[in-house]
């Protein structure tokens, strides 16, 4: 994780850096409890910030929040976690809020709320955080749960117990807007039917995936169909408050379980189902593959589906449905080889499904193509959409069309670096540790976060596809079960659970949470039922979820499943 922190530090210091890069960097440092390091970094940035906008800033650099105000607020937030620095931290936070509205108020409110008795500033906490809620659409995604946590504490101090209870029900140790239950699966966003373009409604938070409804004069055209009929039906019921038109068509972007599982709920009125020509083959591959990780589907549901489209698209074509033009373009995209891009030219909207994801092909399936991803991204950019709608809420927020040119250039650069590393005999871990940050990103600040979200997964997929099953250093030559490794580690530890506990605790203190989890899992194999190991493991999983909540939502979902984490919707 330190590699990501180092990369974010470099990118956040570039002229014209996107404010979200600094926010994500701060979340990584906070989750790792690197408070002094965070303060030193942001205080240095704030103290050395230019008074005027840099002349070499990229043309697409955001201008709505002065960088020095944000850096000053972040320095204050970290300083508030340091012993004996409360007064200085508050002064820094107050100065930051005097410079600009917005993120400085978020960080002042959440920082004051963590101090004993809100440092006597509970009214300030309420004013700051109620302001944030009032204009939350102006903030980077994934911050609201911490707002409710801060409000709950301040309301309690002020004797506003009913408001405190409501805020607490929407809060939690995490800051992201995700919510999850074991019975119903993972959600990227609060439930809403969002009209992102005229007569284009996107169902977010109803399911692990997003799906959409396009209203035409003849009826509704659905784009994808969720994971289950229940999830799709819930969104359709809400849409019935807007229109009573029938669903006439369902266009599927690809054959993954979370985009087709609810099809039955959308075809009760005889809708025509349209998919790409490779859909049947992709569906067979999925049905023959292993199940996805926990929480990606509701409990007890299978990823296997039986879908027979009415119409298969073999080449680009245009459909006119109820006065709306739909352009359908088959692509061998970055995730699956049955990708179907759907463009609405008159709305300047493109639906891309899961073409561009944090990974290059789902990590639990044998799929994904760098070349296919590059070609698909070029296809989308040639359409010149105003809005790019992905198959998951977090992706629509992050993998924007504005980020695509820089992201494509950076991923091509990364692909070259991975191939060169393989040719030089580097192992997968050695290539990952290169911490490759293409310089093209300096001119494309909006591409930094999507690149860093994608980078490690991209490397893993390309390396797996271009190497054999024996690797330099001996990986793959011999194989050992977890139980065998646990027994060997137990010999090193003298046969005691205490040795695993001590090592796990020390690795956690160092911020090496993933390695700590591996050690603790081995310890529990050798010493099952040991309460100390189980408690340490739960704490490590919580930390891993925190560290990935803003940078890698799919890893967050994975660790949340291991931790049995359940979260109510944040609002």
Protein backbone atom coordinates (compact mmCIF):
# COMPACT_ATOMS: atom_id res chain seq x y z
CA UNK A 1 0.00 0.00 0.00
CA UNK A 2 2.95 2.34 0.55
CA UNK A 3 3.59 2.14 -3.19
CA UNK A 4 0.15 3.64 -3.89
CA UNK A 5 0.76 6.31 -1.27
CA UNK A 6 4.10 7.22 -2.87
CA UNK A 7 2.48 7.40 -6.33
CA UNK A 8 -0.38 9.55 -5.02
CA UNK A 9 2.11 11.87 -3.31
CA UNK A 10 3.94 12.41 -6.56
CA UNK A 11 0.77 12.97 -8.59
CA UNK A 12 -0.86 15.27 -6.01
CA UNK A 13 2.17 17.58 -6.20
CA UNK A 14 1.97 17.99 -9.99
CA UNK A 15 0.79 21.42 -11.21
CA UNK A 16 -2.98 21.46 -11.69
CA UNK A 17 -3.55 18.15 -9.91
CA UNK A 18 -7.17 17.12 -9.48
CA UNK A 19 -8.37 17.76 -5.92
CA UNK A 20 -9.60 14.17 -5.71
CA UNK A 21 -6.01 12.94 -5.88
CA UNK A 22 -5.24 14.77 -2.64
CA UNK A 23 -8.45 13.54 -1.01
CA UNK A 24 -7.71 9.91 -1.92
CA UNK A 25 -4.10 10.28 -0.74
CA UNK A 26 -5.37 11.62 2.58
CA UNK A 27 -7.73 8.65 2.94
CA UNK A 28 -4.84 6.23 2.37
CA UNK A 29 -2.64 7.94 4.94
CA UNK A 30 -5.47 8.14 7.49
CA UNK A 31 -6.36 4.48 7.09
CA UNK A 32 -2.70 3.55 7.61
CA UNK A 33 -2.60 5.86 10.67
CA UNK A 34 0.36 7.72 9.15
CA UNK A 35 -0.64 10.98 10.78
CA UNK A 36 2.80 12.56 11.02
CA UNK A 37 3.60 11.64 7.44
CA UNK A 38 0.30 13.11 6.28
CA UNK A 39 0.84 16.32 8.19
CA UNK A 40 4.39 16.74 6.93
CA UNK A 41 3.32 16.23 3.31
CA UNK A 42 0.28 18.53 3.25
CA UNK A 43 1.85 21.19 5.45
CA UNK A 44 4.80 21.37 3.04
CA UNK A 45 2.44 21.62 0.07
CA UNK A 46 0.39 24.32 1.80
CA UNK A 47 3.39 26.35 2.92
CA UNK A 48 4.90 26.27 -0.57
CA UNK A 49 1.69 26.73 -2.57
CA UNK A 50 1.87 29.50 -5.19
CA UNK A 51 -0.40 32.47 -4.65
CA UNK A 52 -1.57 32.38 -8.28
CA UNK A 53 -2.58 29.46 -10.49
CA UNK A 54 0.47 27.78 -12.05
CA UNK A 55 1.08 28.75 -15.65
CA UNK A 56 1.91 25.16 -16.57
CA UNK A 57 -1.34 23.70 -15.19
CA UNK A 58 -3.21 21.41 -17.61
CA UNK A 59 -6.19 22.97 -19.34
CA UNK A 60 -8.56 20.42 -17.80
CA UNK A 61 -7.31 21.09 -14.24
CA UNK A 62 -10.15 21.85 -11.78
CA UNK A 63 -10.34 25.44 -10.55
CA UNK A 64 -13.25 25.35 -8.09
CA UNK A 65 -11.18 24.78 -4.91
CA UNK A 66 -7.91 26.67 -4.31
CA UNK A 67 -5.30 23.99 -3.84
CA UNK A 68 -3.63 25.82 -0.99
CA UNK A 69 -6.92 25.89 0.96
CA UNK A 70 -7.42 22.16 0.47
CA UNK A 71 -3.83 21.34 1.40
CA UNK A 72 -4.06 23.59 4.46
CA UNK A 73 -7.27 21.85 5.56
CA UNK A 74 -5.69 18.42 5.07
CA UNK A 75 -2.62 19.47 7.04
CA UNK A 76 -4.94 20.59 9.83
CA UNK A 77 -6.86 17.32 9.71
CA UNK A 78 -3.68 15.29 10.18
CA UNK A 79 -2.31 17.71 12.78
CA UNK A 80 -5.47 17.23 14.84
CA UNK A 81 -4.46 13.55 15.25
CA UNK A 82 -1.05 14.45 16.72
CA UNK A 83 -0.57 14.74 20.48
CA UNK A 84 -0.37 18.28 21.82
CA UNK A 85 -1.18 19.92 18.48
CA UNK A 86 -4.92 20.53 18.82
CA UNK A 87 -4.79 24.34 19.06
CA UNK A 88 -2.47 24.66 16.06
CA UNK A 89 -4.58 22.21 14.07
CA UNK A 90 -7.80 24.13 14.75
CA UNK A 91 -6.15 27.41 13.78
CA UNK A 92 -4.99 25.84 10.51
CA UNK A 93 -8.46 24.44 9.80
CA UNK A 94 -10.11 27.78 10.53
CA UNK A 95 -7.69 29.55 8.19
CA UNK A 96 -8.43 27.03 5.42
CA UNK A 97 -12.19 27.58 5.71
CA UNK A 98 -11.65 31.33 5.49
CA UNK A 99 -9.98 30.83 2.12
CA UNK A 100 -12.67 28.76 0.44
CA UNK A 101 -16.03 27.06 0.85
CA UNK A 102 -16.33 23.31 0.34
CA UNK A 103 -13.78 20.65 1.16
CA UNK A 104 -12.08 22.74 3.88
CA UNK A 105 -15.40 22.75 5.77
CA UNK A 106 -15.71 18.99 5.35
CA UNK A 107 -12.28 18.42 6.85
CA UNK A 108 -12.75 20.97 9.62
CA UNK A 109 -16.12 19.51 10.61
CA UNK A 110 -14.99 15.88 10.58
CA UNK A 111 -11.71 16.72 12.36
CA UNK A 112 -13.34 18.74 15.15
CA UNK A 113 -15.91 15.98 15.61
CA UNK A 114 -13.17 13.47 16.47
CA UNK A 115 -11.73 15.66 19.24
CA UNK A 116 -12.99 15.30 22.83
CA UNK A 117 -16.28 17.20 23.16
CA UNK A 118 -15.67 18.50 19.62
CA UNK A 119 -13.08 20.83 21.20
CA UNK A 120 -15.97 22.99 22.39
CA UNK A 121 -16.94 23.64 18.75
CA UNK A 122 -19.97 21.38 18.32
CA UNK A 123 -21.94 24.22 16.73
CA UNK A 124 -19.15 24.66 14.18
CA UNK A 125 -19.23 20.93 13.41
CA UNK A 126 -22.97 21.08 12.78
CA UNK A 127 -22.69 24.20 10.62
CA UNK A 128 -19.86 22.74 8.54
CA UNK A 129 -21.33 19.30 8.01
CA UNK A 130 -24.93 20.39 7.45
CA UNK A 131 -23.52 22.70 4.78
CA UNK A 132 -21.72 19.74 3.21
CA UNK A 133 -24.96 17.72 3.11
CA UNK A 134 -26.81 20.64 1.56
CA UNK A 135 -24.39 20.76 -1.39
CA UNK A 136 -23.16 17.14 -1.36
CA UNK A 137 -23.45 16.81 -5.14
CA UNK A 138 -20.57 19.31 -5.39
CA UNK A 139 -18.20 17.04 -3.44
CA UNK A 140 -16.11 14.11 -4.64
CA UNK A 141 -18.03 10.84 -4.33
CA UNK A 142 -17.67 8.66 -1.27
CA UNK A 143 -17.44 11.01 1.71
CA UNK A 144 -20.88 11.25 3.28
CA UNK A 145 -20.72 8.48 5.88
CA UNK A 146 -18.05 10.43 7.79
CA UNK A 147 -20.30 13.49 7.68
CA UNK A 148 -23.06 11.61 9.49
CA UNK A 149 -20.56 10.25 12.01
CA UNK A 150 -19.41 13.78 12.83
CA UNK A 151 -22.96 15.10 13.04
CA UNK A 152 -23.98 12.29 15.37
CA UNK A 153 -21.25 13.28 17.83
CA UNK A 154 -22.00 16.99 17.64
CA UNK A 155 -25.77 16.55 17.92
CA UNK A 156 -25.28 14.39 21.01
CA UNK A 157 -23.15 17.07 22.69
CA UNK A 158 -25.79 19.69 21.88
CA UNK A 159 -28.57 17.55 23.32
CA UNK A 160 -30.21 16.92 19.95
CA UNK A 161 -30.61 13.22 20.66
CA UNK A 162 -33.16 12.35 17.98
CA UNK A 163 -31.04 13.92 15.25
CA UNK A 164 -27.98 12.17 16.69
CA UNK A 165 -29.72 8.80 16.46
CA UNK A 166 -30.70 9.35 12.83
CA UNK A 167 -27.20 10.49 11.89
CA UNK A 168 -25.61 7.58 13.73
CA UNK A 169 -27.75 5.10 11.78
CA UNK A 170 -26.23 6.49 8.58
CA UNK A 171 -22.66 6.67 9.80
CA UNK A 172 -19.85 4.27 10.62
CA UNK A 173 -16.13 4.00 10.88
CA UNK A 174 -15.86 4.12 7.09
CA UNK A 175 -16.32 7.25 5.02
CA UNK A 176 -17.48 5.77 1.71
CA UNK A 177 -21.10 5.71 0.56
CA UNK A 178 -21.20 1.94 -0.04
CA UNK A 179 -23.73 -0.22 1.76
CA UNK A 180 -23.99 -3.95 2.09
CA UNK A 181 -25.91 -6.77 3.75
CA UNK A 182 -25.09 -10.47 3.66
CA UNK A 183 -28.56 -11.32 2.44
CA UNK A 184 -28.81 -8.77 -0.34
CA UNK A 185 -25.24 -8.08 -1.44
CA UNK A 186 -23.13 -5.00 -2.08
CA UNK A 187 -24.14 -1.55 -3.34
CA UNK A 188 -21.86 1.23 -4.59
CA UNK A 189 -24.27 4.07 -3.85
CA UNK A 190 -27.48 4.96 -2.02
CA UNK A 191 -30.58 3.82 -3.89
CA UNK A 192 -31.75 6.37 -6.43
CA UNK A 193 -33.27 6.56 -9.89
CA UNK A 194 -31.15 9.32 -11.39
CA UNK A 195 -32.08 11.16 -14.58
CA UNK A 196 -28.56 11.69 -15.93
CA UNK A 197 -29.81 12.92 -19.31
CA UNK A 198 -33.28 13.78 -20.65
CA UNK A 199 -35.47 10.66 -20.31
CA UNK A 200 -32.42 8.56 -19.36
CA UNK A 201 -32.82 7.11 -15.85
CA UNK A 202 -30.01 5.16 -14.22
CA UNK A 203 -30.88 2.81 -11.36
CA UNK A 204 -28.07 3.16 -8.83
CA UNK A 205 -27.95 1.38 -5.48
CA UNK A 206 -30.65 -1.13 -6.37
CA UNK A 207 -28.07 -3.79 -7.15
CA UNK A 208 -24.34 -4.46 -7.27
CA UNK A 209 -24.49 -3.18 -10.86
CA UNK A 210 -26.21 -0.16 -12.36
CA UNK A 211 -28.85 -0.51 -15.07
CA UNK A 212 -30.82 2.08 -16.97
CA UNK A 213 -34.13 2.94 -18.58
CA UNK A 214 -34.45 5.10 -21.70
CA UNK A 215 -37.95 6.46 -22.27
CA UNK A 216 -39.20 6.58 -25.86
CA UNK A 217 -42.54 7.40 -27.44
CA UNK A 218 -43.28 3.67 -27.82
CA UNK A 219 -42.03 2.39 -24.47
CA UNK A 220 -39.02 1.81 -22.26
CA UNK A 221 -35.66 0.51 -23.47
CA UNK A 222 -33.76 -1.06 -20.58
CA UNK A 223 -29.97 -1.17 -20.62
CA UNK A 224 -28.90 -4.28 -18.66
CA UNK A 225 -30.97 -6.12 -16.07
CA UNK A 226 -29.28 -6.24 -12.62
CA UNK A 227 -28.30 -9.39 -10.71
CA UNK A 228 -31.72 -10.62 -9.60
CA UNK A 229 -35.36 -10.22 -10.70
CA UNK A 230 -36.16 -8.68 -7.31
CA UNK A 231 -33.60 -5.91 -7.74
CA UNK A 232 -34.70 -5.13 -11.29
CA UNK A 233 -38.37 -5.17 -10.28
CA UNK A 234 -37.77 -2.73 -7.42
CA UNK A 235 -36.28 -0.18 -9.81
CA UNK A 236 -39.05 -0.73 -12.35
CA UNK A 237 -41.67 -0.12 -9.63
CA UNK A 238 -40.02 3.21 -8.84
CA UNK A 239 -39.92 4.06 -12.54
CA UNK A 240 -43.69 3.48 -12.66
CA UNK A 241 -44.07 6.71 -10.68
CA UNK A 242 -42.69 8.47 -13.78
CA UNK A 243 -44.16 6.44 -16.65
CA UNK A 244 -46.56 3.54 -17.22
CA UNK A 245 -45.11 2.71 -20.64
CA UNK A 246 -44.19 -0.96 -21.25
CA UNK A 247 -40.65 -2.26 -21.49
CA UNK A 248 -40.25 -2.94 -25.21
CA UNK A 249 -36.53 -3.75 -25.41
CA UNK A 250 -33.70 -4.87 -23.15
CA UNK A 251 -30.20 -4.29 -24.52
CA UNK A 252 -27.47 -6.20 -22.69
CA UNK A 253 -23.95 -4.76 -22.58
CA UNK A 254 -22.36 -8.17 -21.80
CA UNK A 255 -23.12 -11.57 -20.29
CA UNK A 256 -21.88 -11.19 -16.71
CA UNK A 257 -24.24 -12.37 -13.97
CA UNK A 258 -24.72 -8.91 -12.44
CA UNK A 259 -26.04 -7.49 -15.71
CA UNK A 260 -28.43 -10.26 -16.82
CA UNK A 261 -29.69 -12.02 -13.67
CA UNK A 262 -32.84 -9.90 -13.33
CA UNK A 263 -33.91 -10.18 -16.96
CA UNK A 264 -37.16 -12.03 -16.19
CA UNK A 265 -38.52 -9.00 -14.32
CA UNK A 266 -38.07 -6.80 -17.39
CA UNK A 267 -39.48 -9.11 -20.06
CA UNK A 268 -42.95 -9.84 -18.67
CA UNK A 269 -44.49 -7.67 -21.39
CA UNK A 270 -42.67 -9.41 -24.23
CA UNK A 271 -39.63 -7.18 -24.54
CA UNK A 272 -37.10 -7.93 -27.27
CA UNK A 273 -33.70 -8.87 -25.80
CA UNK A 274 -30.65 -7.69 -27.75
CA UNK A 275 -27.01 -8.66 -27.17
CA UNK A 276 -23.69 -8.89 -28.96
CA UNK A 277 -22.99 -11.88 -31.22
CA UNK A 278 -20.42 -13.31 -28.78
CA UNK A 279 -22.92 -13.25 -25.92
CA UNK A 280 -23.75 -17.01 -26.03
CA UNK A 281 -20.07 -17.98 -25.90
CA UNK A 282 -19.34 -15.54 -23.08
CA UNK A 283 -22.33 -16.84 -21.11
CA UNK A 284 -21.06 -20.40 -21.48
CA UNK A 285 -17.66 -19.30 -20.18
CA UNK A 286 -19.23 -17.61 -17.19
CA UNK A 287 -21.46 -20.55 -16.36
CA UNK A 288 -18.45 -22.88 -16.49
CA UNK A 289 -16.36 -20.61 -14.24
CA UNK A 290 -16.05 -20.41 -10.45
CA UNK A 291 -18.51 -18.39 -8.38
CA UNK A 292 -17.68 -14.74 -7.63
CA UNK A 293 -16.59 -13.53 -4.24
CA UNK A 294 -19.04 -13.12 -1.42
CA UNK A 295 -21.24 -10.00 -1.43
CA UNK A 296 -21.07 -9.60 -5.22
CA UNK A 297 -24.34 -11.54 -5.27
CA UNK A 298 -27.09 -11.86 -2.66
CA UNK A 299 -26.69 -14.87 -0.39
CA UNK A 300 -27.74 -18.15 -1.96
CA UNK A 301 -27.86 -16.83 -5.54
CA UNK A 302 -25.97 -18.51 -8.37
CA UNK A 303 -23.90 -16.68 -10.96
CA UNK A 304 -25.09 -19.11 -13.60
CA UNK A 305 -27.86 -17.89 -15.90
CA UNK A 306 -29.80 -19.08 -18.93
CA UNK A 307 -30.45 -16.26 -21.39
CA UNK A 308 -31.27 -16.58 -25.08
CA UNK A 309 -31.31 -13.16 -26.78
CA UNK A 310 -33.86 -12.49 -29.50
CA UNK A 311 -31.40 -10.51 -31.58
CA UNK A 312 -27.60 -10.69 -31.84
CA UNK A 313 -25.51 -7.76 -33.07
CA UNK A 314 -22.60 -8.72 -35.31
CA UNK A 315 -21.58 -5.28 -36.61
CA UNK A 316 -22.39 -1.64 -35.83
CA UNK A 317 -26.03 -0.87 -36.45
CA UNK A 318 -28.63 1.74 -35.57
CA UNK A 319 -32.09 1.11 -34.19
CA UNK A 320 -34.86 3.71 -34.14
CA UNK A 321 -37.22 2.99 -31.25
CA UNK A 322 -40.03 5.39 -30.46
CA UNK A 323 -38.24 8.34 -32.01
CA UNK A 324 -34.94 7.66 -30.21
CA UNK A 325 -31.86 6.51 -32.11
CA UNK A 326 -29.74 3.76 -30.52
CA UNK A 327 -26.34 3.05 -32.06
CA UNK A 328 -25.07 -0.44 -31.16
CA UNK A 329 -21.35 -1.14 -31.55
CA UNK A 330 -19.81 -4.56 -30.76
CA UNK A 331 -16.40 -4.42 -29.05
CA UNK A 332 -13.94 -6.96 -27.69
CA UNK A 333 -13.62 -4.76 -24.63
CA UNK A 334 -11.27 -4.84 -21.71
CA UNK A 335 -13.47 -7.14 -19.63
CA UNK A 336 -15.32 -9.51 -21.98
CA UNK A 337 -15.27 -10.31 -25.69
CA UNK A 338 -19.04 -9.79 -26.01
CA UNK A 339 -19.10 -6.10 -25.14
CA UNK A 340 -21.81 -3.94 -26.68
CA UNK A 341 -21.55 -0.16 -26.61
CA UNK A 342 -24.88 1.66 -26.79
CA UNK A 343 -24.85 5.29 -27.93
CA UNK A 344 -27.68 7.81 -27.90
CA UNK A 345 -26.34 10.40 -30.36
CA UNK A 346 -29.04 13.02 -29.76
CA UNK A 347 -28.42 12.89 -25.98
CA UNK A 348 -24.61 12.66 -26.35
CA UNK A 349 -24.69 9.65 -24.02
CA UNK A 350 -22.80 6.37 -24.27
CA UNK A 351 -23.45 3.24 -22.18
CA UNK A 352 -20.24 1.23 -21.95
CA UNK A 353 -21.22 -1.58 -19.56
CA UNK A 354 -18.06 -2.89 -17.90
CA UNK A 355 -15.75 -2.16 -20.81
CA UNK A 356 -13.42 -0.07 -18.64
CA UNK A 357 -13.01 -1.42 -15.13
CA UNK A 358 -10.56 -1.38 -12.20
CA UNK A 359 -9.41 -4.74 -13.50
CA UNK A 360 -8.67 -6.13 -16.96
CA UNK A 361 -11.29 -8.87 -16.99
CA UNK A 362 -13.05 -9.97 -13.81
CA UNK A 363 -10.39 -11.35 -11.44
CA UNK A 364 -12.25 -14.62 -10.91
CA UNK A 365 -12.69 -15.36 -14.66
CA UNK A 366 -10.16 -16.11 -17.42
CA UNK A 367 -10.90 -13.10 -19.58
CA UNK A 368 -9.69 -9.58 -20.41
CA UNK A 369 -7.61 -8.09 -23.18
CA UNK A 370 -5.39 -5.01 -23.13
CA UNK A 371 -5.63 -4.69 -26.91
CA UNK A 372 -9.41 -5.03 -26.73
CA UNK A 373 -9.58 -2.36 -24.04
CA UNK A 374 -7.49 0.09 -26.07
CA UNK A 375 -9.63 -0.45 -29.16
CA UNK A 376 -12.86 -0.06 -27.18
CA UNK A 377 -11.67 3.16 -25.53
CA UNK A 378 -10.78 4.58 -28.94
CA UNK A 379 -14.24 3.61 -30.21
CA UNK A 380 -15.92 5.40 -27.32
CA UNK A 381 -13.80 8.54 -27.68
CA UNK A 382 -14.62 8.69 -31.41
CA UNK A 383 -18.29 8.96 -30.48
CA UNK A 384 -17.50 12.18 -28.55
CA UNK A 385 -20.12 11.69 -25.83
CA UNK A 386 -20.88 14.30 -23.22
CA UNK A 387 -21.60 11.58 -20.66
CA UNK A 388 -20.22 8.06 -20.29
CA UNK A 389 -22.40 5.74 -18.19
CA UNK A 390 -20.70 2.61 -16.85
CA UNK A 391 -22.17 -0.49 -15.29
CA UNK A 392 -21.34 0.55 -11.71
CA UNK A 393 -21.88 3.88 -9.97
CA UNK A 394 -18.28 4.34 -8.83
CA UNK A 395 -17.02 3.83 -12.37
CA UNK A 396 -19.35 6.46 -13.84
CA UNK A 397 -17.94 8.91 -11.28
CA UNK A 398 -14.30 7.97 -11.88
CA UNK A 399 -13.83 6.71 -15.44
CA UNK A 400 -15.23 9.83 -17.09
CA UNK A 401 -14.97 10.61 -20.77
CA UNK A 402 -12.72 13.55 -19.81
CA UNK A 403 -10.29 11.08 -18.21
CA UNK A 404 -10.20 8.69 -21.18
CA UNK A 405 -7.46 10.32 -23.33
CA UNK A 406 -4.96 10.44 -20.47
CA UNK A 407 -6.00 7.03 -19.16
CA UNK A 408 -5.55 5.42 -22.57
CA UNK A 409 -2.10 6.94 -22.99
CA UNK A 410 -1.08 5.87 -19.48
CA UNK A 411 -2.30 2.30 -19.91
CA UNK A 412 -0.49 1.95 -23.24
CA UNK A 413 2.67 3.13 -21.48
CA UNK A 414 2.04 0.64 -18.67
CA UNK A 415 1.48 -2.20 -21.15
CA UNK A 416 4.88 -1.46 -22.69
CA UNK A 417 6.49 -1.43 -19.23
CA UNK A 418 4.94 -4.77 -18.26
CA UNK A 419 6.04 -6.44 -21.48
CA UNK A 420 9.56 -5.07 -21.02
CA UNK A 421 9.64 -6.35 -17.44
CA UNK A 422 8.53 -9.81 -18.54
CA UNK A 423 11.21 -9.83 -21.26
CA UNK A 424 13.81 -8.90 -18.62
CA UNK A 425 12.74 -11.84 -16.45
CA UNK A 426 11.10 -9.79 -13.70
CA UNK A 427 8.60 -11.54 -11.48
CA UNK A 428 5.05 -10.29 -11.07
CA UNK A 429 5.87 -8.78 -7.68
CA UNK A 430 8.95 -7.06 -9.07
CA UNK A 431 6.90 -5.47 -11.85
CA UNK A 432 4.25 -4.33 -9.37
CA UNK A 433 6.96 -2.79 -7.21
CA UNK A 434 8.19 -0.65 -10.09
CA UNK A 435 5.31 1.63 -9.04
CA UNK A 436 5.01 2.75 -12.65
CA UNK A 437 3.49 6.25 -12.97
CA UNK A 438 3.49 7.41 -16.62
CA UNK A 439 4.46 11.03 -17.11
CA UNK A 440 1.59 11.50 -19.57
CA UNK A 441 -0.64 11.75 -16.49
CA UNK A 442 0.92 15.11 -15.64
CA UNK A 443 -1.07 16.60 -18.51
CA UNK A 444 -4.24 14.66 -17.64
CA UNK A 445 -4.94 15.04 -13.89
CA UNK A 446 -8.42 13.50 -14.15
CA UNK A 447 -6.83 10.24 -15.32
CA UNK A 448 -4.62 9.78 -12.24
CA UNK A 449 -7.15 8.07 -9.99
CA UNK A 450 -8.62 5.72 -12.66
CA UNK A 451 -5.08 4.79 -13.65
CA UNK A 452 -4.01 3.95 -10.09
CA UNK A 453 -7.24 2.03 -9.50
CA UNK A 454 -6.56 -0.03 -12.63
CA UNK A 455 -2.78 -0.37 -12.60
CA UNK A 456 -2.09 -3.41 -10.42
CA UNK A 457 -4.96 -5.43 -11.89
CA UNK A 458 -3.83 -4.58 -15.41
CA UNK A 459 -0.30 -5.74 -14.59
CA UNK A 460 -1.55 -8.99 -13.08
CA UNK A 461 -3.70 -9.85 -16.09
CA UNK A 462 -1.07 -9.03 -18.72
CA UNK A 463 1.61 -10.90 -16.77
CA UNK A 464 -0.61 -13.98 -16.41
CA UNK A 465 -1.48 -13.97 -20.11
CA UNK A 466 2.13 -13.58 -21.26
CA UNK A 467 4.03 -15.96 -18.97
CA UNK A 468 4.00 -19.66 -18.24
CA UNK A 469 3.14 -21.43 -15.02
CA UNK A 470 6.79 -21.65 -13.88
CA UNK A 471 8.18 -18.26 -12.98
CA UNK A 472 11.63 -16.85 -12.14
CA UNK A 473 12.42 -17.48 -8.50
CA UNK A 474 10.56 -20.78 -8.40
CA UNK A 475 6.96 -19.64 -8.20
CA UNK A 476 4.76 -22.39 -9.62
CA UNK A 477 7.44 -25.07 -9.66
CA UNK A 478 6.14 -26.60 -6.44
CA UNK A 479 2.79 -26.16 -4.74
CA UNK A 480 1.84 -26.10 -1.06
CA UNK A 481 -1.54 -26.04 0.61
CA UNK A 482 -2.34 -23.30 3.14
CA UNK A 483 -2.27 -25.97 5.85
CA UNK A 484 1.27 -27.00 4.86
CA UNK A 485 2.47 -23.40 4.92
CA UNK A 486 0.76 -22.89 8.26
CA UNK A 487 2.51 -25.93 9.72
CA UNK A 488 5.90 -24.66 8.51
CA UNK A 489 5.24 -21.20 9.96
CA UNK A 490 4.18 -22.82 13.22
CA UNK A 491 7.59 -24.49 13.43
CA UNK A 492 9.24 -21.08 13.10
CA UNK A 493 6.95 -19.72 15.80
CA UNK A 494 7.71 -22.44 18.27
CA UNK A 495 4.29 -24.00 17.99
CA UNK A 496 2.46 -21.16 19.75
CA UNK A 497 -0.44 -18.96 18.71
CA UNK A 498 1.31 -16.09 20.50
CA UNK A 499 4.01 -15.99 17.81
CA UNK A 500 1.41 -15.49 15.07
CA UNK A 501 -0.38 -12.87 17.17
CA UNK A 502 2.81 -10.92 17.85
CA UNK A 503 3.81 -10.95 14.18
CA UNK A 504 0.33 -10.00 13.01
CA UNK A 505 0.19 -7.13 15.50
CA UNK A 506 3.62 -5.82 14.49
CA UNK A 507 2.81 -5.97 10.78
CA UNK A 508 -0.43 -4.12 11.50
CA UNK A 509 1.49 -1.44 13.39
CA UNK A 510 3.76 -1.04 10.35
CA UNK A 511 0.75 -0.64 8.06
CA UNK A 512 1.35 -4.00 6.31
CA UNK A 513 -2.25 -5.09 6.66
CA UNK A 514 -2.45 -7.52 3.74
CA UNK A 515 0.66 -9.36 4.96
CA UNK A 516 -0.69 -9.34 8.51
CA UNK A 517 -3.89 -10.97 7.23
CA UNK A 518 -1.89 -13.73 5.55
CA UNK A 519 0.04 -14.45 8.78
CA UNK A 520 -3.09 -14.44 10.91
CA UNK A 521 -4.90 -16.77 8.51
CA UNK A 522 -1.99 -19.20 8.76
CA UNK A 523 -2.07 -18.87 12.54
CA UNK A 524 -5.76 -19.73 12.66
CA UNK A 525 -5.14 -22.81 10.53
CA UNK A 526 -2.57 -24.02 13.05
CA UNK A 527 -4.46 -22.77 16.11
CA UNK A 528 -8.16 -22.69 15.20
CA UNK A 529 -10.50 -20.90 17.53
CA UNK A 530 -7.82 -18.70 19.11
CA UNK A 531 -9.72 -15.58 20.13
CA UNK A 532 -6.72 -13.26 19.99
CA UNK A 533 -5.92 -14.25 16.41
CA UNK A 534 -9.56 -13.94 15.36
CA UNK A 535 -9.85 -10.48 16.92
CA UNK A 536 -6.65 -9.29 15.29
CA UNK A 537 -7.83 -10.65 11.95
CA UNK A 538 -11.14 -8.79 12.21
CA UNK A 539 -9.30 -5.56 12.94
CA UNK A 540 -6.98 -6.07 9.98
CA UNK A 541 -9.93 -6.72 7.66
CA UNK A 542 -11.54 -3.50 8.85
CA UNK A 543 -8.32 -1.63 8.08
CA UNK A 544 -8.09 -3.19 4.63
CA UNK A 545 -11.67 -2.15 3.90
CA UNK A 546 -10.86 1.39 5.02
CA UNK A 547 -7.74 1.58 2.87
CA UNK A 548 -9.53 0.49 -0.28
CA UNK A 549 -12.81 2.35 0.14
CA UNK A 550 -11.91 5.32 -2.10
CA UNK A 551 -9.27 3.75 -4.35
CA UNK A 552 -10.49 0.23 -5.12
CA UNK A 553 -14.19 -0.46 -4.49
CA UNK A 554 -13.96 -4.08 -5.63
CA UNK A 555 -11.20 -4.87 -3.16
CA UNK A 556 -13.33 -3.13 -0.55
CA UNK A 557 -16.20 -5.49 -1.38
CA UNK A 558 -13.85 -8.48 -1.14
CA UNK A 559 -12.53 -7.58 2.31
CA UNK A 560 -15.99 -6.54 3.51
CA UNK A 561 -17.17 -10.04 2.65
CA UNK A 562 -14.32 -11.64 4.60
CA UNK A 563 -15.11 -9.40 7.58
CA UNK A 564 -18.88 -10.05 7.51
CA UNK A 565 -19.19 -6.27 7.37
CA UNK A 566 -22.71 -4.91 7.09
CA UNK A 567 -23.50 -1.25 6.43
CA UNK A 568 -26.80 0.57 6.26
CA UNK A 569 -27.32 3.07 3.43
CA UNK A 570 -25.58 6.37 4.27
CA UNK A 571 -28.55 8.56 3.53
